[in-house]
N, C-alpha and C. Protein backbone atom coordinates (compact mmCIF):
# COMPACT_ATOMS: atom_id res chain seq x y z
N MET A 1 10.41 10.69 9.69
CA MET A 1 10.03 10.94 8.45
C MET A 1 9.04 9.86 8.14
N GLY A 2 9.35 8.73 7.45
CA GLY A 2 8.25 7.70 6.90
C GLY A 2 7.90 7.80 5.54
N VAL A 3 6.88 7.06 5.20
CA VAL A 3 6.56 6.86 3.76
C VAL A 3 5.07 7.41 3.75
N ASN A 4 4.83 8.08 2.39
CA ASN A 4 3.58 8.42 2.11
C ASN A 4 2.75 7.31 1.46
N ILE A 5 1.53 6.94 1.81
CA ILE A 5 0.79 5.87 1.34
C ILE A 5 -0.41 6.33 0.68
N LEU A 6 -0.47 5.93 -0.63
CA LEU A 6 -1.53 6.32 -1.29
C LEU A 6 -2.56 5.07 -1.49
N TYR A 7 -4.11 5.26 -1.59
CA TYR A 7 -4.65 4.14 -1.83
C TYR A 7 -5.86 4.71 -2.89
N PHE A 8 -6.25 3.93 -3.86
CA PHE A 8 -7.04 4.23 -5.08
C PHE A 8 -8.22 3.24 -5.07
N ALA A 9 -9.29 3.90 -5.87
CA ALA A 9 -10.31 3.14 -6.25
C ALA A 9 -11.17 2.52 -4.93
N GLY A 10 -11.24 1.09 -4.93
CA GLY A 10 -12.02 0.53 -4.27
C GLY A 10 -11.25 0.28 -2.71
N LEU A 11 -9.90 0.40 -2.76
CA LEU A 11 -9.31 0.38 -1.66
C LEU A 11 -9.54 1.68 -0.75
N ARG A 12 -9.61 2.88 -1.54
CA ARG A 12 -9.86 4.09 -0.91
C ARG A 12 -11.34 4.09 -0.09
N GLU A 13 -12.25 3.29 -0.92
CA GLU A 13 -13.71 3.28 -0.34
C GLU A 13 -13.38 2.31 0.91
N ALA A 14 -12.87 1.29 0.74
CA ALA A 14 -13.05 0.32 1.89
C ALA A 14 -12.31 0.59 3.23
N LEU A 15 -11.12 1.63 2.93
CA LEU A 15 -10.28 2.10 4.00
C LEU A 15 -10.67 3.44 4.81
N GLY A 16 -11.60 4.15 3.68
CA GLY A 16 -12.07 5.45 4.26
C GLY A 16 -11.08 6.53 4.10
N GLN A 17 -10.07 6.29 3.31
CA GLN A 17 -8.93 7.53 3.27
C GLN A 17 -8.16 7.26 1.88
N SER A 18 -7.71 8.19 1.39
CA SER A 18 -6.97 8.13 0.19
C SER A 18 -5.48 8.07 0.50
N SER A 19 -5.12 8.49 1.57
CA SER A 19 -3.77 8.52 1.74
C SER A 19 -3.34 8.71 3.20
N GLU A 20 -1.90 8.38 3.64
CA GLU A 20 -1.85 8.45 5.04
C GLU A 20 -0.18 8.40 5.17
N GLN A 21 0.59 9.17 6.24
CA GLN A 21 1.76 9.40 6.47
C GLN A 21 2.26 7.99 7.46
N LEU A 22 3.16 7.19 7.35
CA LEU A 22 3.57 6.09 8.12
C LEU A 22 4.78 6.23 8.25
N ALA A 23 5.22 6.26 9.61
CA ALA A 23 6.64 5.88 10.16
C ALA A 23 6.76 4.52 10.00
N LEU A 24 7.91 4.20 9.23
CA LEU A 24 8.28 2.65 8.96
C LEU A 24 8.66 2.05 10.19
N PRO A 25 8.04 0.99 10.33
CA PRO A 25 8.67 0.14 11.60
C PRO A 25 9.91 -0.38 11.11
N ALA A 26 10.83 -0.70 12.06
CA ALA A 26 12.16 -1.18 11.77
C ALA A 26 12.18 -2.50 10.85
N GLN A 27 11.28 -3.24 11.06
CA GLN A 27 11.06 -4.66 10.41
C GLN A 27 10.55 -4.54 9.03
N VAL A 28 10.17 -3.28 8.49
CA VAL A 28 9.68 -3.10 7.17
C VAL A 28 10.65 -2.35 6.29
N GLY A 29 10.98 -3.30 5.17
CA GLY A 29 12.27 -2.84 4.41
C GLY A 29 11.81 -3.14 2.91
N SER A 30 10.50 -3.68 2.42
CA SER A 30 10.35 -4.01 1.38
C SER A 30 8.89 -3.94 1.24
N VAL A 31 8.44 -3.63 -0.03
CA VAL A 31 6.89 -3.52 -0.51
C VAL A 31 6.12 -4.60 0.31
N GLY A 32 6.63 -5.89 0.19
CA GLY A 32 5.78 -7.09 0.78
C GLY A 32 5.65 -7.01 2.39
N GLN A 33 6.77 -6.40 2.99
CA GLN A 33 6.73 -6.51 4.47
C GLN A 33 5.69 -4.95 4.70
N LEU A 34 5.73 -4.07 3.91
CA LEU A 34 4.79 -2.84 4.18
C LEU A 34 3.52 -3.58 4.09
N HIS A 35 3.11 -4.28 2.93
CA HIS A 35 1.76 -4.74 2.72
C HIS A 35 1.20 -5.74 3.98
N ALA A 36 2.18 -6.62 4.47
CA ALA A 36 1.74 -7.43 5.44
C ALA A 36 1.73 -6.51 6.82
N HIS A 37 2.53 -5.54 6.99
CA HIS A 37 2.38 -4.69 8.07
C HIS A 37 0.74 -3.94 8.27
N LEU A 38 0.51 -3.54 6.95
CA LEU A 38 -0.96 -2.88 6.88
C LEU A 38 -1.94 -3.92 7.14
N VAL A 39 -1.63 -5.10 6.52
CA VAL A 39 -2.80 -5.97 6.57
C VAL A 39 -2.80 -6.75 8.06
N SER A 40 -2.06 -6.56 8.97
CA SER A 40 -1.81 -6.95 10.42
C SER A 40 -2.77 -5.75 10.94
N ARG A 41 -3.10 -4.91 10.70
CA ARG A 41 -3.87 -3.83 11.35
C ARG A 41 -5.43 -4.56 11.52
N GLY A 42 -5.68 -5.51 10.85
CA GLY A 42 -7.01 -5.98 10.85
C GLY A 42 -8.04 -5.16 10.54
N GLY A 43 -9.28 -5.65 10.56
CA GLY A 43 -10.74 -4.85 10.19
C GLY A 43 -10.60 -4.73 8.68
N ALA A 44 -11.07 -3.24 8.24
CA ALA A 44 -10.80 -2.89 6.85
C ALA A 44 -9.57 -3.09 5.96
N TRP A 45 -8.56 -3.30 6.91
CA TRP A 45 -7.01 -3.35 6.25
C TRP A 45 -7.03 -4.82 5.56
N ALA A 46 -7.93 -5.73 5.83
CA ALA A 46 -8.11 -7.11 5.36
C ALA A 46 -8.20 -6.85 3.64
N ALA A 47 -8.95 -5.82 3.41
CA ALA A 47 -9.26 -5.51 1.99
C ALA A 47 -7.79 -5.51 1.16
N LEU A 48 -6.84 -5.21 1.85
CA LEU A 48 -5.47 -5.24 1.08
C LEU A 48 -4.96 -6.69 0.87
N ALA A 49 -5.33 -7.56 1.66
CA ALA A 49 -4.95 -9.02 1.60
C ALA A 49 -6.05 -9.74 0.60
N THR A 50 -7.16 -9.10 0.28
CA THR A 50 -8.10 -9.93 -0.35
C THR A 50 -8.25 -9.56 -1.79
N THR A 51 -7.68 -8.44 -2.07
CA THR A 51 -7.73 -7.71 -3.20
C THR A 51 -7.05 -8.57 -4.37
N LYS A 52 -7.67 -9.13 -5.30
CA LYS A 52 -6.94 -9.77 -6.41
C LYS A 52 -6.16 -8.78 -7.38
N ASN A 53 -5.13 -9.36 -7.98
CA ASN A 53 -4.43 -8.57 -8.86
C ASN A 53 -3.93 -7.05 -8.44
N LEU A 54 -3.76 -6.89 -7.16
CA LEU A 54 -3.26 -5.61 -6.46
C LEU A 54 -1.83 -5.30 -7.23
N ARG A 55 -1.95 -3.94 -7.65
CA ARG A 55 -0.64 -3.51 -8.08
C ARG A 55 -0.22 -2.62 -7.13
N ILE A 56 1.19 -2.19 -7.09
CA ILE A 56 1.83 -1.34 -6.18
C ILE A 56 3.05 -0.57 -7.06
N ALA A 57 2.76 0.71 -6.70
CA ALA A 57 3.99 1.69 -7.23
C ALA A 57 4.63 2.15 -6.02
N VAL A 58 6.26 2.47 -6.36
CA VAL A 58 6.98 2.96 -5.33
C VAL A 58 7.65 4.20 -6.14
N ASN A 59 7.27 5.48 -5.72
CA ASN A 59 7.83 6.69 -6.18
C ASN A 59 7.40 6.72 -7.63
N GLN A 60 6.05 6.01 -8.07
CA GLN A 60 5.55 6.27 -9.32
C GLN A 60 5.94 5.45 -10.31
N ARG A 61 6.60 4.30 -9.83
CA ARG A 61 6.93 3.06 -10.69
C ARG A 61 6.64 1.98 -10.03
N MET A 62 5.81 1.08 -11.23
CA MET A 62 5.44 -0.10 -10.58
C MET A 62 6.47 -0.99 -10.12
N ALA A 63 5.97 -1.66 -8.95
CA ALA A 63 7.01 -2.42 -8.16
C ALA A 63 6.45 -3.77 -7.89
N ALA A 64 7.42 -4.68 -7.43
CA ALA A 64 7.21 -6.15 -7.01
C ALA A 64 7.27 -5.86 -5.69
N MET A 65 6.71 -7.06 -4.83
CA MET A 65 6.57 -7.07 -3.51
C MET A 65 7.94 -7.22 -2.69
N ASP A 66 9.22 -7.43 -3.80
CA ASP A 66 10.45 -7.61 -2.99
C ASP A 66 11.09 -6.34 -3.05
N ALA A 67 10.54 -5.22 -3.79
CA ALA A 67 11.02 -3.96 -4.25
C ALA A 67 11.34 -3.21 -2.72
N PRO A 68 12.33 -2.32 -2.47
CA PRO A 68 12.82 -1.90 -1.12
C PRO A 68 11.90 -0.53 -0.89
N VAL A 69 11.74 -0.42 0.37
CA VAL A 69 10.88 0.67 0.67
C VAL A 69 11.73 1.31 1.61
N LYS A 70 11.95 2.76 1.62
CA LYS A 70 12.70 3.65 2.76
C LYS A 70 11.99 4.93 2.93
N ASP A 71 12.57 5.49 3.90
CA ASP A 71 11.91 6.66 4.41
C ASP A 71 11.90 7.57 3.21
N GLY A 72 10.74 8.38 2.98
CA GLY A 72 10.68 9.45 1.97
C GLY A 72 10.13 8.93 0.83
N ASP A 73 9.60 7.67 0.77
CA ASP A 73 9.26 7.07 -0.49
C ASP A 73 7.63 7.11 -0.50
N GLU A 74 7.28 7.30 -1.69
CA GLU A 74 5.55 7.09 -1.95
C GLU A 74 5.25 6.02 -2.44
N VAL A 75 4.33 5.21 -1.77
CA VAL A 75 3.80 3.88 -1.98
C VAL A 75 2.23 3.98 -2.34
N ALA A 76 2.13 3.55 -3.44
CA ALA A 76 0.58 3.65 -3.74
C ALA A 76 0.09 2.25 -4.25
N PHE A 77 -1.09 1.95 -3.88
CA PHE A 77 -1.78 0.62 -3.70
C PHE A 77 -2.93 0.75 -4.82
N PHE A 78 -3.03 -0.10 -5.97
CA PHE A 78 -3.94 0.08 -6.93
C PHE A 78 -4.82 -1.09 -7.26
N PRO A 79 -6.32 -1.52 -6.93
CA PRO A 79 -6.74 -2.38 -7.09
C PRO A 79 -7.20 -2.63 -8.49
N PRO A 80 -7.67 -3.49 -9.09
CA PRO A 80 -7.96 -3.62 -10.52
C PRO A 80 -9.25 -2.55 -10.63
N VAL A 81 -9.24 -1.91 -11.81
CA VAL A 81 -10.28 -0.76 -11.98
C VAL A 81 -10.76 -0.99 -13.42
N THR A 82 -12.16 -0.76 -13.48
CA THR A 82 -12.79 -0.69 -15.14
C THR A 82 -13.15 0.46 -15.19
N GLY A 83 -13.41 0.84 -16.54
CA GLY A 83 -14.00 2.18 -16.91
C GLY A 83 -14.69 2.20 -17.99
N GLY A 84 -15.25 2.87 -18.53
CA GLY A 84 -15.98 3.06 -19.78
C GLY A 84 -16.35 4.29 -20.39
């Protein structure tokens, strides 16, 4: 199964994709561990590490880095955005 990951705004542009399905590695059980796993891909994925004020939601609820992540969850990454 795995998790459905959504990327918004500048992250979507930096990564060239708005979403992906990912089988959870055994060592990933929290938002922070998922974040670190994605950053470890290198290249464009470094945008996840360098984005200030990154917000994360699990199943459409804002979550902290220590929030649990399990198979079937939807995890969304939101960089700061402005509008007018």
